[in-house]
């Protein structure tokens, strides 16, 4: 899952044509809707996603960032905790930080905002292992916006290589998880709001290739997007919450087998299958 982003619907409601055109110029599809307050719409989508997970019985769930629209909003956090608590106790939930979760302005993280994230969600970059697969979770916001905490970015880069080395020695498959996709079209594309900056992106890609990583799952785009290069697949998934493209709200089912990693996207919207 990615981008349940409780509170986003209200933030994006009530926009006029000029606002909507402005978002469109930045590659975002915002739908005209009356101004709304509260988080009920987003909570409903997240509740549907958790109920679906309870039916599907996956080994675990990963939420790939932007759990909240505003890190400081206690109502959003309480609702996130209440809905997440409905996930069956036999199914683990893992979090990857998004820019809205780890930066007060949803762009540039600070020492205080990262510490607040850790107090709420736990580690912001880490590795965990399930059977013969290692999953390496990145804090892509810190990697991409390190100006106020360069030491954190350096530590994460060092940890990433250690995680990938251990994964290559211990696991059959290694999957990267991050909020921002490494690239949207190709590895040498220009830096945008949607990708990880090239100065960080290219070294991470080099590390991924050196240690045999073939798959990255991400969010952030609020739409599905698949990009590949030299055997590395970067798959951004559509959102549990508010779509900013033409894909519906949904989730991705990932299967790991001897043949590799396969996946499919499924809709949460009523009437879709």
C-alpha atoms as a PDB file:
ATOM      1  CA  UNK A   1       0.000   0.000   0.000  1.00  0.00           C
ATOM      2  CA  UNK A   2       0.976   3.648  -0.358  1.00  0.00           C
ATOM      3  CA  UNK A   3      -0.376   7.119   0.301  1.00  0.00           C
ATOM      4  CA  UNK A   4      -3.410   6.593   2.490  1.00  0.00           C
ATOM      5  CA  UNK A   5      -2.588  10.230   3.430  1.00  0.00           C
ATOM      6  CA  UNK A   6      -5.388  10.932   5.860  1.00  0.00           C
ATOM      7  CA  UNK A   7      -6.529  14.525   5.298  1.00  0.00           C
ATOM      8  CA  UNK A   8      -5.536  14.834   1.635  1.00  0.00           C
ATOM      9  CA  UNK A   9      -9.104  14.874   0.315  1.00  0.00           C
ATOM     10  CA  UNK A  10      -9.992  17.949   2.374  1.00  0.00           C
ATOM     11  CA  UNK A  11      -6.736  19.668   1.397  1.00  0.00           C
ATOM     12  CA  UNK A  12      -7.460  19.138  -2.302  1.00  0.00           C
ATOM     13  CA  UNK A  13     -11.169  19.952  -2.156  1.00  0.00           C
ATOM     14  CA  UNK A  14     -12.713  23.318  -2.973  1.00  0.00           C
ATOM     15  CA  UNK A  15     -10.247  24.245  -5.726  1.00  0.00           C
ATOM     16  CA  UNK A  16     -11.268  26.482  -8.612  1.00  0.00           C
ATOM     17  CA  UNK A  17     -10.368  25.952 -12.279  1.00  0.00           C
ATOM     18  CA  UNK A  18      -7.138  27.944 -12.013  1.00  0.00           C
ATOM     19  CA  UNK A  19      -5.989  25.857  -9.032  1.00  0.00           C
ATOM     20  CA  UNK A  20      -6.818  22.633 -10.859  1.00  0.00           C
ATOM     21  CA  UNK A  21      -4.967  23.796 -13.981  1.00  0.00           C
ATOM     22  CA  UNK A  22      -1.974  24.652 -11.829  1.00  0.00           C
ATOM     23  CA  UNK A  23      -1.878  21.136 -10.428  1.00  0.00           C
ATOM     24  CA  UNK A  24      -2.321  19.698 -13.931  1.00  0.00           C
ATOM     25  CA  UNK A  25       0.741  21.634 -15.093  1.00  0.00           C
ATOM     26  CA  UNK A  26       2.697  19.762 -12.426  1.00  0.00           C
ATOM     27  CA  UNK A  27       1.336  16.385 -13.559  1.00  0.00           C
ATOM     28  CA  UNK A  28      -1.442  16.013 -10.971  1.00  0.00           C
ATOM     29  CA  UNK A  29      -5.106  15.337 -11.692  1.00  0.00           C
ATOM     30  CA  UNK A  30      -7.244  17.089  -9.065  1.00  0.00           C
ATOM     31  CA  UNK A  31     -10.989  16.570  -9.298  1.00  0.00           C
ATOM     32  CA  UNK A  32     -13.387  19.432  -8.680  1.00  0.00           C
ATOM     33  CA  UNK A  33     -15.205  18.944  -5.379  1.00  0.00           C
ATOM     34  CA  UNK A  34     -16.992  21.137  -2.859  1.00  0.00           C
ATOM     35  CA  UNK A  35     -14.791  22.310  -0.005  1.00  0.00           C
ATOM     36  CA  UNK A  36     -14.678  19.623   2.646  1.00  0.00           C
ATOM     37  CA  UNK A  37     -13.279  19.507   6.162  1.00  0.00           C
ATOM     38  CA  UNK A  38     -12.247  16.432   8.080  1.00  0.00           C
ATOM     39  CA  UNK A  39     -10.736  13.082   7.177  1.00  0.00           C
ATOM     40  CA  UNK A  40     -13.760  10.837   6.667  1.00  0.00           C
ATOM     41  CA  UNK A  41     -13.184  10.215   2.957  1.00  0.00           C
ATOM     42  CA  UNK A  42      -9.561   9.187   3.454  1.00  0.00           C
ATOM     43  CA  UNK A  43     -10.376   7.086   6.520  1.00  0.00           C
ATOM     44  CA  UNK A  44     -13.031   5.220   4.543  1.00  0.00           C
ATOM     45  CA  UNK A  45     -10.518   4.259   1.865  1.00  0.00           C
ATOM     46  CA  UNK A  46      -7.982   3.134   4.459  1.00  0.00           C
ATOM     47  CA  UNK A  47     -10.618   1.103   6.295  1.00  0.00           C
ATOM     48  CA  UNK A  48     -11.464  -0.626   2.999  1.00  0.00           C
ATOM     49  CA  UNK A  49      -7.774  -1.389   2.434  1.00  0.00           C
ATOM     50  CA  UNK A  50      -7.329  -2.882   5.897  1.00  0.00           C
ATOM     51  CA  UNK A  51     -10.525  -4.935   5.534  1.00  0.00           C
ATOM     52  CA  UNK A  52      -9.231  -6.226   2.191  1.00  0.00           C
ATOM     53  CA  UNK A  53      -5.903  -7.191   3.751  1.00  0.00           C
ATOM     54  CA  UNK A  54      -7.771  -9.153   6.420  1.00  0.00           C
ATOM     55  CA  UNK A  55      -9.570 -11.045   3.650  1.00  0.00           C
ATOM     56  CA  UNK A  56      -6.460 -11.659   1.515  1.00  0.00           C
ATOM     57  CA  UNK A  57      -4.310 -12.760   4.487  1.00  0.00           C
ATOM     58  CA  UNK A  58      -0.913 -11.608   3.178  1.00  0.00           C
ATOM     59  CA  UNK A  59       2.251 -12.448   5.078  1.00  0.00           C
ATOM     60  CA  UNK A  60       2.562  -8.753   5.923  1.00  0.00           C
ATOM     61  CA  UNK A  61       1.572  -5.269   4.735  1.00  0.00           C
ATOM     62  CA  UNK A  62       3.909  -2.414   3.846  1.00  0.00           C
ATOM     63  CA  UNK A  63       2.639   1.161   3.725  1.00  0.00           C
ATOM     64  CA  UNK A  64       4.976   3.041   1.422  1.00  0.00           C
ATOM     65  CA  UNK A  65       4.734   6.509   2.896  1.00  0.00           C
ATOM     66  CA  UNK A  66       2.436   9.498   3.277  1.00  0.00           C
ATOM     67  CA  UNK A  67       0.317   7.922   5.944  1.00  0.00           C
ATOM     68  CA  UNK A  68      -0.652  11.414   7.118  1.00  0.00           C
ATOM     69  CA  UNK A  69      -1.261  14.668   5.274  1.00  0.00           C
ATOM     70  CA  UNK A  70       0.132  16.690   8.203  1.00  0.00           C
ATOM     71  CA  UNK A  71       2.637  15.241  10.659  1.00  0.00           C
ATOM     72  CA  UNK A  72       1.450  17.615  13.399  1.00  0.00           C
ATOM     73  CA  UNK A  73      -2.271  16.779  13.099  1.00  0.00           C
ATOM     74  CA  UNK A  74      -3.232  14.615  16.084  1.00  0.00           C
ATOM     75  CA  UNK A  75      -6.667  13.768  14.642  1.00  0.00           C
ATOM     76  CA  UNK A  76      -5.042  12.247  11.572  1.00  0.00           C
ATOM     77  CA  UNK A  77      -2.585  10.264  13.685  1.00  0.00           C
ATOM     78  CA  UNK A  78      -5.276   8.951  16.024  1.00  0.00           C
ATOM     79  CA  UNK A  79      -7.420   7.848  13.094  1.00  0.00           C
ATOM     80  CA  UNK A  80      -4.435   6.144  11.457  1.00  0.00           C
ATOM     81  CA  UNK A  81      -3.743   4.212  14.650  1.00  0.00           C
ATOM     82  CA  UNK A  82      -7.401   3.272  15.132  1.00  0.00           C
ATOM     83  CA  UNK A  83      -7.819   1.933  11.603  1.00  0.00           C
ATOM     84  CA  UNK A  84      -4.454   0.168  11.584  1.00  0.00           C
ATOM     85  CA  UNK A  85      -5.465  -1.586  14.816  1.00  0.00           C
ATOM     86  CA  UNK A  86      -8.189  -3.335  12.793  1.00  0.00           C
ATOM     87  CA  UNK A  87      -5.539  -5.246  10.842  1.00  0.00           C
ATOM     88  CA  UNK A  88      -5.552  -8.849  12.005  1.00  0.00           C
ATOM     89  CA  UNK A  89      -2.959  -9.387  14.720  1.00  0.00           C
ATOM     90  CA  UNK A  90      -1.362 -12.158  12.657  1.00  0.00           C
ATOM     91  CA  UNK A  91      -0.489  -9.715   9.849  1.00  0.00           C
ATOM     92  CA  UNK A  92       2.448  -7.383  10.479  1.00  0.00           C
ATOM     93  CA  UNK A  93       2.437  -3.762   9.288  1.00  0.00           C
ATOM     94  CA  UNK A  94       5.664  -2.116   8.153  1.00  0.00           C
ATOM     95  CA  UNK A  95       6.008   1.627   7.513  1.00  0.00           C
ATOM     96  CA  UNK A  96       8.163   3.553   5.047  1.00  0.00           C
ATOM     97  CA  UNK A  97       8.299   7.326   5.620  1.00  0.00           C
ATOM     98  CA  UNK A  98       6.832   9.710   3.069  1.00  0.00           C
ATOM     99  CA  UNK A  99       7.571  13.400   2.741  1.00  0.00           C
ATOM    100  CA  UNK A 100       4.317  14.298   4.529  1.00  0.00           C
ATOM    101  CA  UNK A 101       5.255  12.010   7.444  1.00  0.00           C
ATOM    102  CA  UNK A 102       8.831  13.097   8.017  1.00  0.00           C
ATOM    103  CA  UNK A 103       8.882  16.819   7.112  1.00  0.00           C
ATOM    104  CA  UNK A 104       6.730  19.474   8.728  1.00  0.00           C
ATOM    105  CA  UNK A 105       6.445  21.340   5.411  1.00  0.00           C
ATOM    106  CA  UNK A 106       6.076  18.044   3.475  1.00  0.00           C
ATOM    107  CA  UNK A 107       9.304  18.856   1.614  1.00  0.00           C
ATOM    108  CA  UNK A 108      12.419  19.332   3.744  1.00  0.00           C
ATOM    109  CA  UNK A 109      12.957  17.175   6.833  1.00  0.00           C
ATOM    110  CA  UNK A 110      14.576  18.517   9.970  1.00  0.00           C
ATOM    111  CA  UNK A 111      16.170  16.822  12.947  1.00  0.00           C
ATOM    112  CA  UNK A 112      12.987  17.481  14.956  1.00  0.00           C
ATOM    113  CA  UNK A 113      10.625  16.155  12.292  1.00  0.00           C
ATOM    114  CA  UNK A 114      12.649  12.971  11.829  1.00  0.00           C
ATOM    115  CA  UNK A 115      12.722  12.404  15.570  1.00  0.00           C
ATOM    116  CA  UNK A 116       8.955  12.897  15.716  1.00  0.00           C
ATOM    117  CA  UNK A 117       8.498  10.355  12.934  1.00  0.00           C
ATOM    118  CA  UNK A 118      10.644   7.838  14.808  1.00  0.00           C
ATOM    119  CA  UNK A 119       8.677   8.378  18.013  1.00  0.00           C
ATOM    120  CA  UNK A 120       5.440   7.603  16.153  1.00  0.00           C
ATOM    121  CA  UNK A 121       6.406   4.943  13.619  1.00  0.00           C
ATOM    122  CA  UNK A 122       9.787   3.557  14.673  1.00  0.00           C
ATOM    123  CA  UNK A 123      12.821   3.217  12.414  1.00  0.00           C
ATOM    124  CA  UNK A 124      12.816   5.331   9.282  1.00  0.00           C
ATOM    125  CA  UNK A 125      15.240   3.096   7.338  1.00  0.00           C
ATOM    126  CA  UNK A 126      15.875  -0.587   8.011  1.00  0.00           C
ATOM    127  CA  UNK A 127      15.935  -4.125   6.638  1.00  0.00           C
ATOM    128  CA  UNK A 128      13.638  -7.010   7.485  1.00  0.00           C
ATOM    129  CA  UNK A 129      13.583 -10.572   6.217  1.00  0.00           C
ATOM    130  CA  UNK A 130      10.671 -12.818   5.321  1.00  0.00           C
ATOM    131  CA  UNK A 131      11.552 -16.384   4.355  1.00  0.00           C
ATOM    132  CA  UNK A 132      14.050 -16.049   1.463  1.00  0.00           C
ATOM    133  CA  UNK A 133      13.431 -12.355   0.773  1.00  0.00           C
ATOM    134  CA  UNK A 134      15.090  -9.250   2.245  1.00  0.00           C
ATOM    135  CA  UNK A 135      13.172  -5.990   2.137  1.00  0.00           C
ATOM    136  CA  UNK A 136      15.220  -2.821   2.513  1.00  0.00           C
ATOM    137  CA  UNK A 137      13.195   0.251   3.509  1.00  0.00           C
ATOM    138  CA  UNK A 138      14.550   3.707   2.664  1.00  0.00           C
ATOM    139  CA  UNK A 139      13.826   7.173   3.983  1.00  0.00           C
ATOM    140  CA  UNK A 140      13.825   8.728   0.521  1.00  0.00           C
ATOM    141  CA  UNK A 141      12.901  12.182   1.844  1.00  0.00           C
ATOM    142  CA  UNK A 142      16.084  12.435   3.895  1.00  0.00           C
ATOM    143  CA  UNK A 143      18.140  11.032   1.012  1.00  0.00           C
ATOM    144  CA  UNK A 144      16.664  13.524  -1.419  1.00  0.00           C
ATOM    145  CA  UNK A 145      16.513  16.593   0.870  1.00  0.00           C
ATOM    146  CA  UNK A 146      19.557  16.302   3.167  1.00  0.00           C
ATOM    147  CA  UNK A 147      20.417  19.987   3.599  1.00  0.00           C
ATOM    148  CA  UNK A 148      19.360  20.268   7.250  1.00  0.00           C
ATOM    149  CA  UNK A 149      20.614  16.844   8.330  1.00  0.00           C
ATOM    150  CA  UNK A 150      23.495  15.702   6.094  1.00  0.00           C
ATOM    151  CA  UNK A 151      24.816  13.327   8.737  1.00  0.00           C
ATOM    152  CA  UNK A 152      21.504  11.435   8.723  1.00  0.00           C
ATOM    153  CA  UNK A 153      21.699  11.074   4.942  1.00  0.00           C
ATOM    154  CA  UNK A 154      25.317   9.852   5.163  1.00  0.00           C
ATOM    155  CA  UNK A 155      24.441   7.318   7.855  1.00  0.00           C
ATOM    156  CA  UNK A 156      21.560   6.018   5.800  1.00  0.00           C
ATOM    157  CA  UNK A 157      23.722   5.614   2.700  1.00  0.00           C
ATOM    158  CA  UNK A 158      26.267   3.654   4.712  1.00  0.00           C
ATOM    159  CA  UNK A 159      23.521   1.525   6.241  1.00  0.00           C
ATOM    160  CA  UNK A 160      22.020   0.879   2.815  1.00  0.00           C
ATOM    161  CA  UNK A 161      25.208  -0.707   1.535  1.00  0.00           C
ATOM    162  CA  UNK A 162      25.444  -2.841   4.683  1.00  0.00           C
ATOM    163  CA  UNK A 163      21.809  -3.919   4.291  1.00  0.00           C
ATOM    164  CA  UNK A 164      22.286  -4.809   0.617  1.00  0.00           C
ATOM    165  CA  UNK A 165      25.492  -6.735   1.313  1.00  0.00           C
ATOM    166  CA  UNK A 166      23.817  -8.736   4.079  1.00  0.00           C
ATOM    167  CA  UNK A 167      20.761  -9.338   1.925  1.00  0.00           C
ATOM    168  CA  UNK A 168      22.847 -10.620  -0.982  1.00  0.00           C
ATOM    169  CA  UNK A 169      24.559 -13.112   1.354  1.00  0.00           C
ATOM    170  CA  UNK A 170      21.444 -14.245   3.209  1.00  0.00           C
ATOM    171  CA  UNK A 171      18.452 -13.997   0.862  1.00  0.00           C
ATOM    172  CA  UNK A 172      17.398 -15.234  -2.558  1.00  0.00           C
ATOM    173  CA  UNK A 173      15.621 -11.950  -3.378  1.00  0.00           C
ATOM    174  CA  UNK A 174      16.098  -8.335  -2.287  1.00  0.00           C
ATOM    175  CA  UNK A 175      13.382  -5.697  -2.709  1.00  0.00           C
ATOM    176  CA  UNK A 176      13.832  -1.972  -2.141  1.00  0.00           C
ATOM    177  CA  UNK A 177      10.940  -0.043  -0.565  1.00  0.00           C
ATOM    178  CA  UNK A 178      10.787   3.761  -0.583  1.00  0.00           C
ATOM    179  CA  UNK A 179       8.270   6.541  -0.881  1.00  0.00           C
ATOM    180  CA  UNK A 180       9.841   8.335  -3.847  1.00  0.00           C
ATOM    181  CA  UNK A 181      10.663   6.161  -6.860  1.00  0.00           C
ATOM    182  CA  UNK A 182      14.310   6.202  -7.860  1.00  0.00           C
ATOM    183  CA  UNK A 183      13.239   7.286 -11.348  1.00  0.00           C
ATOM    184  CA  UNK A 184       9.972   7.738 -13.203  1.00  0.00           C
ATOM    185  CA  UNK A 185      11.142   7.111 -16.760  1.00  0.00           C
ATOM    186  CA  UNK A 186      14.903   6.497 -16.866  1.00  0.00           C
ATOM    187  CA  UNK A 187      17.876   6.635 -14.497  1.00  0.00           C
ATOM    188  CA  UNK A 188      19.453   9.773 -15.975  1.00  0.00           C
ATOM    189  CA  UNK A 189      16.249  11.848 -16.064  1.00  0.00           C
ATOM    190  CA  UNK A 190      16.278  15.375 -14.677  1.00  0.00           C
ATOM    191  CA  UNK A 191      15.472  15.985 -11.022  1.00  0.00           C
ATOM    192  CA  UNK A 192      11.792  16.660 -10.325  1.00  0.00           C
ATOM    193  CA  UNK A 193       9.431  16.660  -7.367  1.00  0.00           C
ATOM    194  CA  UNK A 194       8.536  13.073  -8.276  1.00  0.00           C
ATOM    195  CA  UNK A 195      11.893  11.296  -8.231  1.00  0.00           C
ATOM    196  CA  UNK A 196      15.001  11.001  -6.073  1.00  0.00           C
ATOM    197  CA  UNK A 197      17.634  13.589  -7.095  1.00  0.00           C
ATOM    198  CA  UNK A 198      20.246  12.311  -9.520  1.00  0.00           C
ATOM    199  CA  UNK A 199      23.155  12.946  -7.146  1.00  0.00           C
ATOM    200  CA  UNK A 200      21.649  10.342  -4.806  1.00  0.00           C
ATOM    201  CA  UNK A 201      19.732   8.275  -7.348  1.00  0.00           C
ATOM    202  CA  UNK A 202      22.668   7.137  -9.470  1.00  0.00           C
ATOM    203  CA  UNK A 203      24.806   5.871  -6.549  1.00  0.00           C
ATOM    204  CA  UNK A 204      21.787   4.024  -5.109  1.00  0.00           C
ATOM    205  CA  UNK A 205      21.111   2.447  -8.520  1.00  0.00           C
ATOM    206  CA  UNK A 206      24.770   1.408  -8.718  1.00  0.00           C
ATOM    207  CA  UNK A 207      24.502  -0.218  -5.282  1.00  0.00           C
ATOM    208  CA  UNK A 208      21.263  -1.960  -6.219  1.00  0.00           C
ATOM    209  CA  UNK A 209      22.784  -3.422  -9.347  1.00  0.00           C
ATOM    210  CA  UNK A 210      26.003  -4.423  -7.567  1.00  0.00           C
ATOM    211  CA  UNK A 211      23.999  -6.467  -5.046  1.00  0.00           C
ATOM    212  CA  UNK A 212      21.498  -7.980  -7.465  1.00  0.00           C
ATOM    213  CA  UNK A 213      18.395  -5.924  -6.650  1.00  0.00           C
ATOM    214  CA  UNK A 214      15.805  -6.217  -9.403  1.00  0.00           C
ATOM    215  CA  UNK A 215      12.720  -4.586  -7.848  1.00  0.00           C
ATOM    216  CA  UNK A 216      11.809  -1.359  -6.072  1.00  0.00           C
ATOM    217  CA  UNK A 217       8.289  -0.522  -4.871  1.00  0.00           C
ATOM    218  CA  UNK A 218       7.360   3.106  -4.200  1.00  0.00           C
ATOM    219  CA  UNK A 219       4.425   5.487  -3.917  1.00  0.00           C
ATOM    220  CA  UNK A 220       4.393   9.311  -3.999  1.00  0.00           C
ATOM    221  CA  UNK A 221       2.965   9.674  -7.524  1.00  0.00           C
ATOM    222  CA  UNK A 222      -0.589   8.780  -6.434  1.00  0.00           C
ATOM    223  CA  UNK A 223      -0.833   6.777  -9.657  1.00  0.00           C
ATOM    224  CA  UNK A 224       0.706   3.633 -11.063  1.00  0.00           C
ATOM    225  CA  UNK A 225       3.994   4.015 -12.917  1.00  0.00           C
ATOM    226  CA  UNK A 226       6.425   1.329 -14.066  1.00  0.00           C
ATOM    227  CA  UNK A 227       9.952   2.153 -15.198  1.00  0.00           C
ATOM    228  CA  UNK A 228      12.725  -0.317 -16.002  1.00  0.00           C
ATOM    229  CA  UNK A 229      16.379  -0.152 -16.868  1.00  0.00           C
ATOM    230  CA  UNK A 230      18.930  -2.934 -17.262  1.00  0.00           C
ATOM    231  CA  UNK A 231      16.890  -5.429 -15.252  1.00  0.00           C
ATOM    232  CA  UNK A 232      15.864  -3.028 -12.456  1.00  0.00           C
ATOM    233  CA  UNK A 233      12.109  -2.448 -12.165  1.00  0.00           C
ATOM    234  CA  UNK A 234      10.855   0.626 -10.287  1.00  0.00           C
ATOM    235  CA  UNK A 235       7.122   0.290  -9.605  1.00  0.00           C
ATOM    236  CA  UNK A 236       5.234   3.220  -8.106  1.00  0.00           C
ATOM    237  CA  UNK A 237       1.806   2.131  -6.877  1.00  0.00           C
ATOM    238  CA  UNK A 238      -1.416   4.068  -6.968  1.00  0.00           C
ATOM    239  CA  UNK A 239      -2.717   5.383  -3.638  1.00  0.00           C
ATOM    240  CA  UNK A 240      -4.958   3.884  -1.021  1.00  0.00           C
ATOM    241  CA  UNK A 241      -6.236   7.454  -0.690  1.00  0.00           C
ATOM    242  CA  UNK A 242      -6.648  10.354  -3.105  1.00  0.00           C
ATOM    243  CA  UNK A 243      -5.577   9.577  -6.715  1.00  0.00           C
ATOM    244  CA  UNK A 244      -3.631  12.232  -8.598  1.00  0.00           C
ATOM    245  CA  UNK A 245      -3.800  10.334 -11.874  1.00  0.00           C
ATOM    246  CA  UNK A 246      -6.329   8.192 -13.696  1.00  0.00           C
ATOM    247  CA  UNK A 247      -5.765   5.030 -11.648  1.00  0.00           C
ATOM    248  CA  UNK A 248      -8.284   4.345  -8.865  1.00  0.00           C
ATOM    249  CA  UNK A 249      -7.507   4.131  -5.183  1.00  0.00           C
ATOM    250  CA  UNK A 250      -6.074   0.690  -4.573  1.00  0.00           C
ATOM    251  CA  UNK A 251      -3.322  -1.597  -3.350  1.00  0.00           C
ATOM    252  CA  UNK A 252      -0.717  -3.917  -4.874  1.00  0.00           C
ATOM    253  CA  UNK A 253      -0.462  -7.645  -4.243  1.00  0.00           C
ATOM    254  CA  UNK A 254       3.134  -8.873  -4.474  1.00  0.00           C
ATOM    255  CA  UNK A 255       4.120 -12.507  -4.876  1.00  0.00           C
ATOM    256  CA  UNK A 256       7.663 -13.810  -4.507  1.00  0.00           C
ATOM    257  CA  UNK A 257       8.484 -17.220  -5.955  1.00  0.00           C
ATOM    258  CA  UNK A 258      11.471 -19.130  -7.297  1.00  0.00           C
ATOM    259  CA  UNK A 259      10.897 -17.340 -10.602  1.00  0.00           C
ATOM    260  CA  UNK A 260      11.164 -13.878  -9.051  1.00  0.00           C
ATOM    261  CA  UNK A 261       8.843 -11.055  -8.008  1.00  0.00           C
ATOM    262  CA  UNK A 262       5.428 -10.582  -9.611  1.00  0.00           C
ATOM    263  CA  UNK A 263       2.658  -8.164  -8.693  1.00  0.00           C
ATOM    264  CA  UNK A 264      -0.763  -6.809  -9.630  1.00  0.00           C
ATOM    265  CA  UNK A 265      -2.712  -3.672  -8.754  1.00  0.00           C
ATOM    266  CA  UNK A 266      -6.296  -3.930  -7.468  1.00  0.00           C
ATOM    267  CA  UNK A 267      -8.904  -1.197  -7.039  1.00  0.00           C
ATOM    268  CA  UNK A 268     -10.605  -0.184  -3.806  1.00  0.00           C
ATOM    269  CA  UNK A 269     -13.249   1.872  -5.563  1.00  0.00           C
ATOM    270  CA  UNK A 270     -16.833   0.685  -5.562  1.00  0.00           C
ATOM    271  CA  UNK A 271     -17.798  -1.162  -8.718  1.00  0.00           C
ATOM    272  CA  UNK A 272     -14.203  -1.910  -9.719  1.00  0.00           C
ATOM    273  CA  UNK A 273     -12.636  -5.327  -9.606  1.00  0.00           C
END
